[in-house]
Amino acid sequence: MPFKKVRGNIAPGEMRQASNPEAAARLAGTMAARFVGVAAYAVMVDMESGDMSSPRILCQYGEVADIAA
């Protein structure tokens, strides 16, 4: 998930899905130079509703916001 500065605050951008933790970490590393911050998360997904919960950070670059808050 990329993060950008919006009116002086850190805001999440559009989430990108990866097939596994290693791919998520590679994708985050690739995106890091283009954003103020990037983080790769592992999340639990409810297959019926599509809701995501229990985010666990895999890696981060730069400034990121707490998405669990």
C-alpha atoms as a PDB file:
ATOM      1  CA  MET A   1       0.000   0.000   0.000  1.00  0.00           C
ATOM      2  CA  PRO A   2       1.475   3.344  -1.018  1.00  0.00           C
ATOM      3  CA  PHE A   3       1.149   6.439   1.168  1.00  0.00           C
ATOM      4  CA  LYS A   4       1.207  10.078   0.077  1.00  0.00           C
ATOM      5  CA  LYS A   5       1.133  13.500   1.734  1.00  0.00           C
ATOM      6  CA  VAL A   6      -2.279  15.169   1.657  1.00  0.00           C
ATOM      7  CA  ARG A   7      -2.496  18.601   3.297  1.00  0.00           C
ATOM      8  CA  GLY A   8       0.484  17.788   5.498  1.00  0.00           C
ATOM      9  CA  ASN A   9      -0.859  14.390   6.627  1.00  0.00           C
ATOM     10  CA  ILE A  10       0.015  10.873   5.492  1.00  0.00           C
ATOM     11  CA  ALA A  11      -2.851   9.237   3.564  1.00  0.00           C
ATOM     12  CA  PRO A  12      -3.086   5.736   2.086  1.00  0.00           C
ATOM     13  CA  GLY A  13      -3.229   5.321  -1.675  1.00  0.00           C
ATOM     14  CA  GLU A  14      -4.720   2.498  -3.700  1.00  0.00           C
ATOM     15  CA  MET A  15      -3.946  -0.947  -2.295  1.00  0.00           C
ATOM     16  CA  ARG A  16      -2.214  -3.430  -4.596  1.00  0.00           C
ATOM     17  CA  GLN A  17      -2.721  -7.146  -4.027  1.00  0.00           C
ATOM     18  CA  ALA A  18       0.122  -9.669  -4.128  1.00  0.00           C
ATOM     19  CA  SER A  19      -0.013 -13.461  -4.331  1.00  0.00           C
ATOM     20  CA  ASN A  20       2.312 -14.134  -1.383  1.00  0.00           C
ATOM     21  CA  PRO A  21       4.411 -12.319   1.256  1.00  0.00           C
ATOM     22  CA  GLU A  22       7.591 -12.361  -0.836  1.00  0.00           C
ATOM     23  CA  ALA A  23       5.809 -10.827  -3.832  1.00  0.00           C
ATOM     24  CA  ALA A  24       4.288  -8.172  -1.545  1.00  0.00           C
ATOM     25  CA  ALA A  25       7.719  -7.220  -0.196  1.00  0.00           C
ATOM     26  CA  ARG A  26       9.183  -7.033  -3.737  1.00  0.00           C
ATOM     27  CA  LEU A  27       6.283  -4.866  -4.907  1.00  0.00           C
ATOM     28  CA  ALA A  28       6.692  -2.534  -1.921  1.00  0.00           C
ATOM     29  CA  GLY A  29      10.406  -2.174  -2.642  1.00  0.00           C
ATOM     30  CA  THR A  30       9.696  -1.342  -6.278  1.00  0.00           C
ATOM     31  CA  MET A  31       7.109   1.297  -5.333  1.00  0.00           C
ATOM     32  CA  ALA A  32       9.202   2.903  -2.553  1.00  0.00           C
ATOM     33  CA  ALA A  33      10.963   5.468  -4.748  1.00  0.00           C
ATOM     34  CA  ARG A  34       7.679   6.907  -6.054  1.00  0.00           C
ATOM     35  CA  PHE A  35       5.838   7.533  -2.760  1.00  0.00           C
ATOM     36  CA  VAL A  36       6.470   9.199   0.611  1.00  0.00           C
ATOM     37  CA  GLY A  37       5.980   5.743   2.142  1.00  0.00           C
ATOM     38  CA  VAL A  38       5.052   2.178   1.204  1.00  0.00           C
ATOM     39  CA  ALA A  39       4.080  -0.771   3.383  1.00  0.00           C
ATOM     40  CA  ALA A  40       3.348  -4.412   2.641  1.00  0.00           C
ATOM     41  CA  TYR A  41       0.700  -6.008   4.861  1.00  0.00           C
ATOM     42  CA  ALA A  42      -0.637  -9.508   5.402  1.00  0.00           C
ATOM     43  CA  VAL A  43      -4.378  -9.365   6.110  1.00  0.00           C
ATOM     44  CA  MET A  44      -7.184 -11.801   6.853  1.00  0.00           C
ATOM     45  CA  VAL A  45      -9.936 -11.637   4.209  1.00  0.00           C
ATOM     46  CA  ASP A  46     -13.521 -12.761   4.772  1.00  0.00           C
ATOM     47  CA  MET A  47     -14.278 -14.489   1.475  1.00  0.00           C
ATOM     48  CA  GLU A  48     -18.039 -13.891   1.770  1.00  0.00           C
ATOM     49  CA  SER A  49     -18.002 -10.166   2.522  1.00  0.00           C
ATOM     50  CA  GLY A  50     -14.558  -9.199   1.196  1.00  0.00           C
ATOM     51  CA  ASP A  51     -13.798  -7.439   4.497  1.00  0.00           C
ATOM     52  CA  MET A  52     -10.161  -7.306   5.560  1.00  0.00           C
ATOM     53  CA  SER A  53      -8.978  -7.535   9.179  1.00  0.00           C
ATOM     54  CA  SER A  54      -5.927  -8.200  11.358  1.00  0.00           C
ATOM     55  CA  PRO A  55      -3.335  -6.315   9.280  1.00  0.00           C
ATOM     56  CA  ARG A  56       0.243  -7.400   9.998  1.00  0.00           C
ATOM     57  CA  ILE A  57       3.080  -5.363   8.523  1.00  0.00           C
ATOM     58  CA  LEU A  58       5.587  -7.346   6.454  1.00  0.00           C
ATOM     59  CA  CYS A  59       7.882  -4.442   5.517  1.00  0.00           C
ATOM     60  CA  GLN A  60       7.782  -0.678   5.204  1.00  0.00           C
ATOM     61  CA  TYR A  61       9.684   2.121   3.510  1.00  0.00           C
ATOM     62  CA  GLY A  62       9.479   5.800   4.441  1.00  0.00           C
ATOM     63  CA  GLU A  63       6.497   7.352   6.240  1.00  0.00           C
ATOM     64  CA  VAL A  64       3.368   5.223   6.651  1.00  0.00           C
ATOM     65  CA  ALA A  65       0.122   5.647   8.587  1.00  0.00           C
ATOM     66  CA  ASP A  66      -1.425   3.116  10.962  1.00  0.00           C
ATOM     67  CA  ILE A  67      -4.133   1.400   8.894  1.00  0.00           C
ATOM     68  CA  ALA A  68      -5.450  -0.493  11.924  1.00  0.00           C
ATOM     69  CA  ALA A  69      -6.504   2.758  13.634  1.00  0.00           C
END
